[in-house]
């Protein structure tokens, strides 16, 4: 049973995360699922962002 506000669709695709401030490629990820509320992804290394940084996927 789905208890979230937005349905999560299983989806595995390559994605790139960029810092919104610097507009440079930061890291590649593989998505796990996607919804209107966001994207879940898997990383093979630690994140290079601070807590309130804005990013573009």
N, C-alpha and C. Protein backbone atom coordinates (compact mmCIF):
# COMPACT_ATOMS: atom_id res chain seq x y z
N UNK A 1 0.84 -1.18 0.00
CA UNK A 1 0.00 0.00 0.00
C UNK A 1 0.88 1.25 0.00
N UNK A 2 0.61 2.17 -0.88
CA UNK A 2 1.36 3.41 -0.99
C UNK A 2 0.87 4.40 0.07
N UNK A 3 1.76 4.83 0.96
CA UNK A 3 1.37 5.76 2.03
C UNK A 3 1.99 7.14 1.83
N UNK A 4 2.65 7.34 0.74
CA UNK A 4 3.27 8.64 0.47
C UNK A 4 2.27 9.56 -0.21
N UNK A 5 2.58 10.87 -0.22
CA UNK A 5 1.74 11.82 -0.93
C UNK A 5 1.85 11.65 -2.44
N UNK A 6 3.01 11.20 -2.92
CA UNK A 6 3.24 11.01 -4.35
C UNK A 6 3.66 9.57 -4.61
N UNK A 7 3.07 8.95 -5.61
CA UNK A 7 3.43 7.59 -5.98
C UNK A 7 4.87 7.54 -6.47
N UNK A 8 5.66 6.56 -6.04
CA UNK A 8 7.05 6.39 -6.49
C UNK A 8 7.08 5.33 -7.57
N UNK A 9 7.63 5.69 -8.72
CA UNK A 9 7.75 4.80 -9.86
C UNK A 9 9.17 4.26 -9.91
N UNK A 10 9.37 2.93 -9.84
CA UNK A 10 10.71 2.38 -9.97
C UNK A 10 11.29 2.75 -11.34
N UNK A 11 12.47 3.36 -11.33
CA UNK A 11 13.08 3.80 -12.58
C UNK A 11 14.60 3.86 -12.38
N UNK A 12 15.34 3.10 -13.16
CA UNK A 12 16.79 3.10 -13.06
C UNK A 12 17.37 3.70 -14.34
N UNK A 13 17.89 4.93 -14.21
CA UNK A 13 18.53 5.62 -15.33
C UNK A 13 19.74 6.38 -14.80
N UNK A 14 20.66 6.70 -15.69
CA UNK A 14 21.81 7.53 -15.31
C UNK A 14 21.35 8.97 -15.17
N UNK A 15 21.89 9.67 -14.18
CA UNK A 15 21.60 11.09 -13.98
C UNK A 15 22.88 11.78 -13.54
N UNK A 16 22.93 13.08 -13.71
CA UNK A 16 24.08 13.89 -13.29
C UNK A 16 23.56 14.94 -12.33
N UNK A 17 24.26 15.12 -11.23
CA UNK A 17 23.92 16.17 -10.27
C UNK A 17 24.91 17.30 -10.45
N UNK A 18 24.37 18.52 -10.62
CA UNK A 18 25.21 19.71 -10.77
C UNK A 18 24.89 20.69 -9.67
N UNK A 19 25.89 21.39 -9.22
CA UNK A 19 25.69 22.48 -8.27
C UNK A 19 24.99 23.62 -9.00
N UNK A 20 23.91 24.12 -8.46
CA UNK A 20 23.18 25.21 -9.11
C UNK A 20 24.01 26.49 -9.14
N UNK A 21 24.85 26.68 -8.15
CA UNK A 21 25.67 27.89 -8.08
C UNK A 21 26.83 27.85 -9.07
N UNK A 22 27.46 26.70 -9.24
CA UNK A 22 28.67 26.63 -10.05
C UNK A 22 28.42 26.14 -11.47
N UNK A 23 27.26 25.51 -11.74
CA UNK A 23 26.90 24.99 -13.06
C UNK A 23 27.98 24.10 -13.67
N UNK A 24 28.59 23.28 -12.85
CA UNK A 24 29.57 22.32 -13.36
C UNK A 24 29.15 20.92 -12.95
N UNK A 25 29.52 19.93 -13.75
CA UNK A 25 29.17 18.55 -13.41
C UNK A 25 29.88 18.16 -12.13
N UNK A 26 29.15 17.61 -11.20
CA UNK A 26 29.72 17.23 -9.92
C UNK A 26 29.84 15.72 -9.82
N UNK A 27 28.76 14.98 -10.12
CA UNK A 27 28.83 13.53 -10.00
C UNK A 27 27.71 12.86 -10.78
N UNK A 28 27.96 11.64 -11.20
CA UNK A 28 26.95 10.82 -11.84
C UNK A 28 26.32 9.89 -10.83
N UNK A 29 25.03 9.61 -10.98
CA UNK A 29 24.31 8.69 -10.10
C UNK A 29 23.45 7.76 -10.94
N UNK A 30 22.91 6.73 -10.29
CA UNK A 30 21.88 5.88 -10.89
C UNK A 30 20.62 6.09 -10.07
N UNK A 31 19.52 6.47 -10.72
CA UNK A 31 18.27 6.65 -9.98
C UNK A 31 17.72 5.29 -9.57
N UNK A 32 16.96 5.28 -8.49
CA UNK A 32 16.26 4.07 -8.03
C UNK A 32 14.76 4.20 -8.29
N UNK A 33 14.22 5.37 -7.99
CA UNK A 33 12.82 5.64 -8.27
C UNK A 33 12.62 7.14 -8.37
N UNK A 34 11.46 7.53 -8.89
CA UNK A 34 11.17 8.94 -9.13
C UNK A 34 9.70 9.20 -8.81
N UNK A 35 9.40 10.42 -8.35
CA UNK A 35 8.02 10.80 -8.07
C UNK A 35 7.91 12.31 -8.23
N UNK A 36 6.70 12.81 -8.08
CA UNK A 36 6.51 14.26 -8.14
C UNK A 36 7.21 14.95 -6.97
N UNK A 37 7.50 14.20 -5.91
CA UNK A 37 8.16 14.76 -4.74
C UNK A 37 9.67 14.67 -4.76
N UNK A 38 10.25 14.00 -5.76
CA UNK A 38 11.70 13.92 -5.82
C UNK A 38 12.21 12.65 -6.45
N UNK A 39 13.53 12.45 -6.33
CA UNK A 39 14.21 11.31 -6.93
C UNK A 39 15.05 10.64 -5.86
N UNK A 40 15.05 9.31 -5.83
CA UNK A 40 15.97 8.57 -4.97
C UNK A 40 17.05 8.00 -5.87
N UNK A 41 18.29 8.07 -5.41
CA UNK A 41 19.40 7.58 -6.23
C UNK A 41 20.44 6.88 -5.40
N UNK A 42 21.31 6.14 -6.08
CA UNK A 42 22.41 5.46 -5.38
C UNK A 42 23.73 6.10 -5.79
N UNK A 43 24.60 6.25 -4.81
CA UNK A 43 25.89 6.90 -5.00
C UNK A 43 26.99 5.90 -4.67
N UNK A 44 28.11 5.99 -5.38
CA UNK A 44 29.24 5.11 -5.11
C UNK A 44 30.34 5.84 -4.34
N UNK A 45 30.05 7.07 -3.94
CA UNK A 45 31.01 7.86 -3.18
C UNK A 45 30.24 8.86 -2.32
N UNK A 46 30.92 9.56 -1.44
CA UNK A 46 30.24 10.50 -0.56
C UNK A 46 29.81 11.75 -1.32
N UNK A 47 28.79 12.42 -0.81
CA UNK A 47 28.28 13.64 -1.44
C UNK A 47 29.20 14.81 -1.17
N UNK A 48 29.24 15.74 -2.13
CA UNK A 48 30.11 16.90 -2.02
C UNK A 48 29.33 18.18 -1.73
N UNK A 49 28.10 18.04 -1.23
CA UNK A 49 27.24 19.20 -1.02
C UNK A 49 27.04 19.46 0.47
N UNK A 50 26.72 20.72 0.77
CA UNK A 50 26.32 21.08 2.11
C UNK A 50 24.81 20.94 2.24
N UNK A 51 24.32 20.99 3.46
CA UNK A 51 22.91 20.71 3.72
C UNK A 51 21.93 21.58 2.94
N UNK A 52 22.17 22.87 2.77
CA UNK A 52 21.21 23.75 2.11
C UNK A 52 21.62 24.14 0.69
N UNK A 53 22.56 23.45 0.10
CA UNK A 53 22.95 23.72 -1.28
C UNK A 53 21.82 23.39 -2.24
N UNK A 54 21.69 24.17 -3.31
CA UNK A 54 20.72 23.89 -4.36
C UNK A 54 21.43 23.11 -5.47
N UNK A 55 20.77 22.08 -5.99
CA UNK A 55 21.36 21.27 -7.06
C UNK A 55 20.37 21.09 -8.19
N UNK A 56 20.88 20.74 -9.36
CA UNK A 56 20.08 20.42 -10.54
C UNK A 56 20.40 18.98 -10.92
N UNK A 57 19.36 18.18 -11.16
CA UNK A 57 19.55 16.77 -11.55
C UNK A 57 19.18 16.64 -13.01
